Amino acid sequence: MVEPDLPALVLAPMEGITDAPMRALLGGLGAFTFAVSEFLRVSQESIPAKVFLRDIPELRMGGRTPTGLPVQIQILGGHPERMALSAVTACEAGAEAIDINFGCPAPTVNRHDGGASLLNHPSRIRDIVAAVRAAVPAEIPVSAKLRLGWDCIDAVDENCAMAAEGGASWLTIHARTRTQGYMPPVYWEPIGRVRRALGLPVVANGDIWTLDDFRRCRDETGCIHFMLGRCALADPILPRRIAVELGIAEGGGEAEADWPALLHGLAHYTECYEGKVGKHTVQRFKQWLKIATKHGRFPYFDVLKHAETVDDFFASLRLAMRAA
């Protein structure tokens, strides 16, 4: 999925946000190379096939969204053997690539030997990657997503070296520590240092909110591979603009997001996957638009936040846009 010499733009996994309907919607905008699924957690038992197929329904469609976007499967856990068994099951269910999450900062995950807690144990990162790499077919790439460290940005060098030693095909690095969570600042320079030291493809991630941010990140890291998360929701036009700069999409298109079309699209894909739209769909709209209001320029959230049905939501949006 990530090729050393081919630029790529990756849709980030965001728990409870970039699920199958959202992946389908954003995949249809023509910017992303592939998406990474929300993580599936490996705890006391390996993950059964039915869970992969339930939570990542693209596996039933050749590992792609209805709009054709490939989806890489992400797993999280600290037990090498169970992680390896889960990865094998994912491949048998249709996965074409496996990603291992060493970056999730959620306290519950970290207390249960998952995500960023592994950043305190570099040799365990190597062992987990190596176990998964050895278990899955050779043609299936295995990648790892990490943060810079638990509380020190310089931990990234050893942790990434261990992931590479374990056999990772590429690395995705979020440019913060676990203790930062999602608070500023981001540190892009260490990502470039890792890329130069290891000679692996490295996907840069973290706080690319504007085209200028992207350019600075590219200059500081030297990367040609990038992952976008919250910014793709805050400004759905931005991924396309970045893809044009990377040379993986053609220029042109809308200057501003068509929010009614986007929201109707999400409702459509929600109905496709879940069989209905309802209050849950409205909550999904509000979750998305809260991000677009806080980090982007969506102006109507205060009008929409009290809507309780899909019909009320779209009626309120139409009125607000007419009055603007």
Protein backbone atom coordinates (compact mmCIF):
# COMPACT_ATOMS: atom_id res chain seq x y z
CA MET A 1 0.00 0.00 0.00
CA VAL A 2 2.88 2.35 0.76
CA GLU A 3 5.54 2.21 -1.93
CA PRO A 4 8.97 3.76 -1.25
CA ASP A 5 8.97 6.05 -4.28
CA LEU A 6 5.26 6.72 -4.75
CA PRO A 7 3.58 9.51 -2.75
CA ALA A 8 0.61 8.44 -0.66
CA LEU A 9 -2.11 10.11 1.38
CA VAL A 10 -3.64 7.93 4.10
CA LEU A 11 -6.91 8.39 5.98
CA ALA A 12 -6.16 7.98 9.69
CA PRO A 13 -8.02 5.63 12.01
CA MET A 14 -10.07 7.60 14.53
CA GLU A 15 -12.00 5.53 17.04
CA GLY A 16 -15.73 6.00 16.63
CA ILE A 17 -15.32 8.49 13.79
CA THR A 18 -13.69 7.02 10.68
CA ASP A 19 -15.86 3.92 10.58
CA ALA A 20 -17.05 2.20 7.42
CA PRO A 21 -19.63 4.86 6.36
CA MET A 22 -17.11 7.67 6.88
CA ARG A 23 -14.39 5.74 5.06
CA ALA A 24 -16.75 5.25 2.14
CA LEU A 25 -17.68 8.92 2.05
CA LEU A 26 -14.14 10.32 2.30
CA GLY A 27 -12.84 7.65 -0.05
CA GLY A 28 -15.17 8.97 -2.72
CA LEU A 29 -13.55 12.41 -2.69
CA GLY A 30 -10.62 11.17 -4.77
CA ALA A 31 -7.76 12.22 -2.49
CA PHE A 32 -6.75 9.26 -0.34
CA THR A 33 -4.55 6.34 -1.37
CA PHE A 34 -5.96 4.07 1.32
CA ALA A 35 -7.54 4.15 4.79
CA VAL A 36 -6.55 2.42 8.01
CA SER A 37 -9.37 0.87 10.00
CA GLU A 38 -10.17 1.75 13.58
CA PHE A 39 -8.14 -0.59 15.77
CA LEU A 40 -9.46 -3.96 16.87
CA ARG A 41 -8.13 -4.84 20.28
CA VAL A 42 -6.48 -8.19 20.99
CA SER A 43 -6.93 -8.95 24.68
CA GLN A 44 -7.26 -12.37 26.32
CA GLU A 45 -8.13 -14.17 23.10
CA SER A 46 -7.26 -13.66 19.47
CA ILE A 47 -9.87 -11.87 17.38
CA PRO A 48 -12.31 -14.20 15.57
CA ALA A 49 -13.16 -13.74 11.91
CA LYS A 50 -16.74 -12.69 12.67
CA VAL A 51 -15.47 -9.64 14.56
CA PHE A 52 -13.24 -8.55 11.70
CA LEU A 53 -16.13 -8.96 9.26
CA ARG A 54 -18.55 -7.11 11.55
CA ASP A 55 -16.33 -4.14 12.34
CA ILE A 56 -14.58 -3.86 8.97
CA PRO A 57 -17.29 -4.78 6.47
CA GLU A 58 -15.05 -3.79 3.55
CA LEU A 59 -13.46 -7.22 3.99
CA ARG A 60 -16.56 -8.64 2.30
CA MET A 61 -15.86 -6.39 -0.71
CA GLY A 62 -12.24 -7.24 -1.44
CA GLY A 63 -10.94 -4.96 1.30
CA ARG A 64 -12.34 -1.82 -0.33
CA THR A 65 -15.05 0.70 0.38
CA PRO A 66 -18.02 1.02 -2.00
CA THR A 67 -16.13 4.01 -3.45
CA GLY A 68 -13.07 1.87 -4.14
CA LEU A 69 -10.74 2.98 -1.34
CA PRO A 70 -8.52 0.16 0.01
CA VAL A 71 -8.71 -0.37 3.77
CA GLN A 72 -5.79 -1.65 5.84
CA ILE A 73 -6.65 -3.56 9.01
CA GLN A 74 -5.25 -2.27 12.32
CA ILE A 75 -4.86 -4.39 15.43
CA LEU A 76 -3.73 -3.43 18.94
CA GLY A 77 -2.37 -5.49 21.80
CA GLY A 78 0.72 -6.54 23.72
CA HIS A 79 0.79 -10.33 23.37
CA PRO A 80 2.86 -11.40 20.33
CA GLU A 81 1.25 -14.80 19.80
CA ARG A 82 -2.34 -13.57 20.07
CA MET A 83 -1.53 -10.61 17.84
CA ALA A 84 -0.06 -12.99 15.28
CA LEU A 85 -3.08 -15.30 15.40
CA SER A 86 -5.40 -12.34 14.99
CA ALA A 87 -3.42 -11.10 12.00
CA VAL A 88 -3.65 -14.51 10.36
CA THR A 89 -7.41 -14.53 10.91
CA ALA A 90 -7.67 -11.06 9.41
CA CYS A 91 -5.82 -12.22 6.31
CA GLU A 92 -8.07 -15.26 6.00
CA ALA A 93 -11.04 -12.89 6.21
CA GLY A 94 -9.66 -10.85 3.32
CA ALA A 95 -7.17 -8.35 4.75
CA GLU A 96 -4.51 -7.26 2.28
CA ALA A 97 -2.33 -5.39 4.82
CA ILE A 98 -1.92 -5.32 8.61
CA ASP A 99 -1.07 -2.31 10.77
CA ILE A 100 -0.05 -2.56 14.43
CA ASN A 101 -1.07 0.25 16.78
CA PHE A 102 1.66 1.41 19.17
CA GLY A 103 0.31 4.94 19.36
CA CYS A 104 -3.15 5.04 20.96
CA PRO A 105 -2.94 7.36 24.00
CA ALA A 106 -6.25 6.33 25.61
CA PRO A 107 -5.70 5.60 29.34
CA THR A 108 -7.93 2.51 29.30
CA VAL A 109 -5.99 1.03 26.40
CA ASN A 110 -2.65 1.91 27.96
CA ARG A 111 -3.58 0.36 31.32
CA HIS A 112 -4.30 -2.92 29.54
CA ASP A 113 -0.99 -3.34 27.73
CA GLY A 114 -1.91 -1.76 24.45
CA GLY A 115 -1.21 1.20 22.22
CA ALA A 116 1.32 3.76 23.40
CA SER A 117 2.14 1.78 26.58
CA LEU A 118 4.43 -0.37 24.40
CA LEU A 119 6.57 2.70 23.71
CA ASN A 120 8.13 2.07 27.13
CA HIS A 121 9.27 -1.38 25.98
CA PRO A 122 11.17 -1.16 22.68
CA SER A 123 12.12 -4.84 22.55
CA ARG A 124 8.44 -5.79 22.87
CA ILE A 125 7.64 -3.63 19.85
CA ARG A 126 10.19 -5.65 17.89
CA ASP A 127 8.80 -8.96 19.18
CA ILE A 128 5.18 -8.10 18.33
CA VAL A 129 6.02 -6.89 14.83
CA ALA A 130 8.24 -9.93 14.24
CA ALA A 131 5.54 -12.35 15.41
CA VAL A 132 2.93 -10.83 13.10
CA ARG A 133 5.38 -10.60 10.21
CA ALA A 134 6.34 -14.27 10.55
CA ALA A 135 2.73 -15.43 10.81
CA VAL A 136 1.10 -13.76 7.81
CA PRO A 137 1.82 -14.53 4.15
CA ALA A 138 4.94 -12.89 2.73
CA GLU A 139 2.91 -10.81 0.25
CA ILE A 140 0.92 -9.17 3.09
CA PRO A 141 2.67 -5.98 4.26
CA VAL A 142 2.91 -5.36 7.99
CA SER A 143 3.32 -1.79 9.21
CA ALA A 144 3.45 -0.08 12.59
CA LYS A 145 2.04 3.18 13.88
CA LEU A 146 3.91 4.89 16.72
CA ARG A 147 4.17 8.15 18.58
CA LEU A 148 7.46 9.87 19.29
CA GLY A 149 7.57 8.28 22.74
CA TRP A 150 5.75 8.06 26.04
CA ASP A 151 7.04 11.34 27.45
CA CYS A 152 10.25 11.96 25.48
CA ILE A 153 10.43 12.72 21.76
CA ASP A 154 13.87 11.12 21.42
CA ALA A 155 12.47 7.67 22.26
CA VAL A 156 11.26 7.53 18.66
CA ASP A 157 14.68 6.48 17.36
CA GLU A 158 14.93 3.23 19.34
CA ASN A 159 11.25 2.36 19.09
CA CYS A 160 11.18 2.79 15.34
CA ALA A 161 14.44 0.88 14.96
CA MET A 162 12.86 -2.01 16.87
CA ALA A 163 9.76 -1.95 14.64
CA ALA A 164 12.03 -2.00 11.58
CA GLU A 165 14.07 -4.85 13.03
CA GLY A 166 10.86 -6.79 13.53
CA GLY A 167 10.17 -6.51 9.82
CA ALA A 168 7.81 -3.55 9.40
CA SER A 169 7.26 -2.61 5.77
CA TRP A 170 6.68 1.03 6.68
CA LEU A 171 6.13 3.18 9.75
CA THR A 172 3.55 5.83 10.53
CA ILE A 173 4.71 8.33 13.14
CA HIS A 174 2.43 10.72 15.00
CA ALA A 175 4.54 13.74 15.87
CA ARG A 176 3.66 13.89 19.59
CA THR A 177 4.35 11.91 22.74
CA ARG A 178 1.71 9.94 24.58
CA THR A 179 1.71 12.40 27.49
CA GLN A 180 0.86 15.20 25.06
CA GLY A 181 -2.21 13.41 23.79
CA TYR A 182 -3.39 15.80 21.09
CA MET A 183 -2.04 18.97 22.69
CA PRO A 184 0.44 21.17 20.81
CA PRO A 185 3.15 21.38 19.77
CA VAL A 186 3.99 18.73 17.20
CA TYR A 187 7.60 17.78 16.48
CA TRP A 188 8.11 16.89 12.84
CA GLU A 189 11.91 16.94 12.74
CA PRO A 190 12.35 13.58 14.53
CA ILE A 191 10.19 11.94 11.87
CA GLY A 192 12.68 13.03 9.22
CA ARG A 193 15.55 11.76 11.36
CA VAL A 194 13.96 8.31 11.57
CA ARG A 195 13.25 8.24 7.85
CA ARG A 196 16.88 9.02 7.03
CA ALA A 197 18.27 6.56 9.58
CA LEU A 198 16.15 3.53 8.70
CA GLY A 199 15.64 3.87 4.98
CA LEU A 200 12.03 2.70 5.32
CA PRO A 201 9.00 4.55 4.00
CA VAL A 202 7.68 6.77 6.78
CA VAL A 203 4.19 8.25 6.89
CA ALA A 204 4.13 11.61 8.71
CA ASN A 205 1.08 12.33 10.87
CA GLY A 206 -0.05 15.10 13.19
CA ASP A 207 -1.49 18.62 13.00
CA ILE A 208 -1.60 19.11 9.24
CA TRP A 209 -4.52 21.53 9.34
CA THR A 210 -3.72 23.63 6.26
CA LEU A 211 -1.86 23.43 2.99
CA ASP A 212 0.91 25.50 4.56
CA ASP A 213 1.13 23.02 7.45
CA PHE A 214 1.51 20.23 4.92
CA ARG A 215 4.31 22.05 3.16
CA ARG A 216 6.16 22.69 6.42
CA CYS A 217 5.75 19.05 7.45
CA ARG A 218 7.05 17.92 4.06
CA ASP A 219 10.03 20.26 4.32
CA GLU A 220 10.94 19.23 7.88
CA THR A 221 10.49 15.49 7.41
CA GLY A 222 11.42 14.96 3.78
CA CYS A 223 8.46 12.57 3.62
CA ILE A 224 6.32 11.85 0.58
CA HIS A 225 3.77 9.85 2.59
CA PHE A 226 1.28 11.55 4.91
CA MET A 227 -1.65 10.60 7.13
CA LEU A 228 -4.60 12.94 7.74
CA GLY A 229 -7.15 12.56 10.52
CA ARG A 230 -9.11 15.32 12.19
CA CYS A 231 -8.13 17.85 9.52
CA ALA A 232 -9.91 15.78 6.86
CA LEU A 233 -13.11 16.20 8.85
CA ALA A 234 -12.51 19.85 9.68
CA ASP A 235 -11.90 20.73 6.03
CA PRO A 236 -12.96 17.97 3.61
CA ILE A 237 -11.46 19.94 0.70
CA LEU A 238 -7.95 19.90 2.21
CA PRO A 239 -7.08 16.26 1.40
CA ARG A 240 -7.72 16.91 -2.29
CA ARG A 241 -5.52 19.99 -2.25
CA ILE A 242 -2.71 18.02 -0.61
CA ALA A 243 -3.18 15.15 -3.06
CA VAL A 244 -2.78 17.63 -5.93
CA GLU A 245 0.47 18.89 -4.39
CA LEU A 246 1.67 15.30 -4.08
CA GLY A 247 0.84 14.66 -7.71
CA ILE A 248 -1.65 11.88 -6.98
CA ALA A 249 -4.78 13.86 -7.95
CA GLU A 250 -5.61 16.39 -10.59
CA GLY A 251 -6.29 20.03 -9.76
CA GLY A 252 -9.62 21.77 -9.89
CA GLY A 253 -12.78 20.97 -7.98
CA GLU A 254 -14.73 22.96 -5.43
CA ALA A 255 -13.12 25.74 -3.45
CA GLU A 256 -15.36 25.08 -0.43
CA ALA A 257 -16.92 21.97 1.04
CA ASP A 258 -20.47 21.17 -0.07
CA TRP A 259 -21.71 20.32 3.39
CA PRO A 260 -25.27 19.27 2.46
CA ALA A 261 -23.91 16.83 -0.12
CA LEU A 262 -21.33 15.48 2.31
CA LEU A 263 -23.86 14.97 5.08
CA HIS A 264 -26.36 13.34 2.75
CA GLY A 265 -23.53 11.11 1.60
CA LEU A 266 -22.75 10.03 5.14
CA ALA A 267 -26.44 9.31 5.74
CA HIS A 268 -26.50 7.23 2.54
CA TYR A 269 -23.52 5.09 3.52
CA THR A 270 -24.81 4.73 7.07
CA GLU A 271 -28.04 3.33 5.66
CA CYS A 272 -26.08 1.07 3.31
CA TYR A 273 -24.13 -0.46 6.18
CA GLU A 274 -26.63 -0.28 9.03
CA GLY A 275 -29.91 -0.56 7.17
CA LYS A 276 -31.38 2.64 8.60
CA VAL A 277 -30.74 6.22 9.61
CA GLY A 278 -31.96 7.69 12.86
CA LYS A 279 -30.83 9.35 16.07
CA HIS A 280 -27.48 7.63 15.83
CA THR A 281 -26.95 9.25 12.43
CA VAL A 282 -27.77 12.67 13.85
CA GLN A 283 -25.21 12.12 16.60
CA ARG A 284 -22.66 11.18 13.95
CA PHE A 285 -23.41 14.44 12.12
CA LYS A 286 -22.94 16.45 15.31
CA GLN A 287 -19.72 14.64 16.21
CA TRP A 288 -18.30 15.46 12.79
CA LEU A 289 -19.50 19.06 12.69
CA LYS A 290 -18.20 19.78 16.17
CA ILE A 291 -14.73 19.02 14.80
CA ALA A 292 -15.42 21.09 11.68
CA THR A 293 -16.52 24.01 13.87
CA LYS A 294 -13.63 23.84 16.32
CA HIS A 295 -10.86 23.23 13.79
CA GLY A 296 -12.41 24.41 10.53
CA ARG A 297 -14.85 27.00 9.29
CA PHE A 298 -18.23 25.31 9.57
CA PRO A 299 -20.55 28.14 10.70
CA TYR A 300 -23.87 26.50 11.53
CA PHE A 301 -23.21 24.16 14.44
CA ASP A 302 -25.09 26.23 17.03
CA VAL A 303 -28.21 26.06 14.87
CA LEU A 304 -27.93 22.31 14.31
CA LYS A 305 -26.86 20.99 17.68
CA HIS A 306 -30.43 20.76 18.98
CA ALA A 307 -31.82 18.77 16.02
CA GLU A 308 -33.09 15.34 17.04
CA THR A 309 -34.00 13.72 13.73
CA VAL A 310 -32.32 13.55 10.35
CA ASP A 311 -35.20 15.47 8.75
CA ASP A 312 -34.98 18.22 11.38
CA PHE A 313 -31.25 18.38 10.94
CA PHE A 314 -31.38 18.95 7.19
CA ALA A 315 -34.30 21.38 7.49
CA SER A 316 -32.34 23.45 10.00
CA LEU A 317 -29.26 23.35 7.78
CA ARG A 318 -31.22 24.57 4.76
CA LEU A 319 -32.69 27.47 6.76
CA ALA A 320 -29.31 28.43 8.19
CA MET A 321 -27.66 28.43 4.77
CA ARG A 322 -30.43 30.55 3.27
CA ALA A 323 -30.07 33.07 6.06
CA ALA A 324 -26.30 33.27 5.74
